[in-house]
Amino acid sequence: MADGTGHARAALTKAGVEFDSRDAALFRAIDRTNSIAVAAEDLGRSRARALERIKSLEDAFGELVERQRGGQEGGGSHLTGTGRELLDRYDRLSAVLATTATVPETVLSGVVTAVEGEMAKVETDVGTLRGLHDGIPVGETVAVRIGADHVTVSEPTTAPEPGATSARNRLDGTVSTVEVGESVHTVHIDVDGVAFQALVTEESRRRLGLRNGQEVLILWKATGTWLVREHAPS
């Protein structure tokens, strides 16, 4: 959904892994300090957590940070060409999305079937979905709101396996329309008669060859779904 400013949330996705604002902040800090440890400390994070996150990103995007040990010029960490290109792509996408006044949403109705902490399962016309809630009990009818900036469009044959990604919501659909923008496009996807929307970059549109009638798989995280009561409690 939209971020705190009401604009779309920028993220680059590959193999089910997202490069988002927190990752961009880490990469900028590494570029500035030439040290993963110092960068993590500056951001209030642990070095171990930063290293773990970099490994996850590199498993999807390739080598992003070059780490050197000692030597005549001392050790240090530096962004690789791929890492710098990824950060530049993220910055360009952020600049484009900053001009987007509103983020399209898909809204459908459902009934909560299970609650575990802040997460809940809800049964809808397109199947069981998972999302965030704020104290909604089992049996409650809710509006399921899904921000288009959280939805990833993939080819069914190359999409990551369910266990290989944190995007637990997965649906098969058919592209009905591609609404072309300057750099970011809105893809309308029909899923069993329900119209979903997703934001994609021009790069993604070309890579996927998106066209009307194309079968696709859409994925998004439970944290990109918000469950809202359809009726205020009495």
Foldseek 3Di string as FASTA:
>chain_A
DPPPVQWFFFWDDFLQDTCGDVNLQQQVLCAVPQASCVSQVVVVHHSVVSVVSQVVVCVGQNQFKDWADQDPVHTGIHGDPSNVVVSVVRVVRVVVRVPPNHFDKFKFKWFWADDDPQKTWTQGPLGIDMAGEDPDDGGFMWIKIFTQAQKDKAAPVPHHDCVSHQFNDKAKWFFADWADDDFKIWTWTAGPNGTGIHIDGPVVCVVRVDDGGDIIMMTGHNHRMYIGGPDDDD
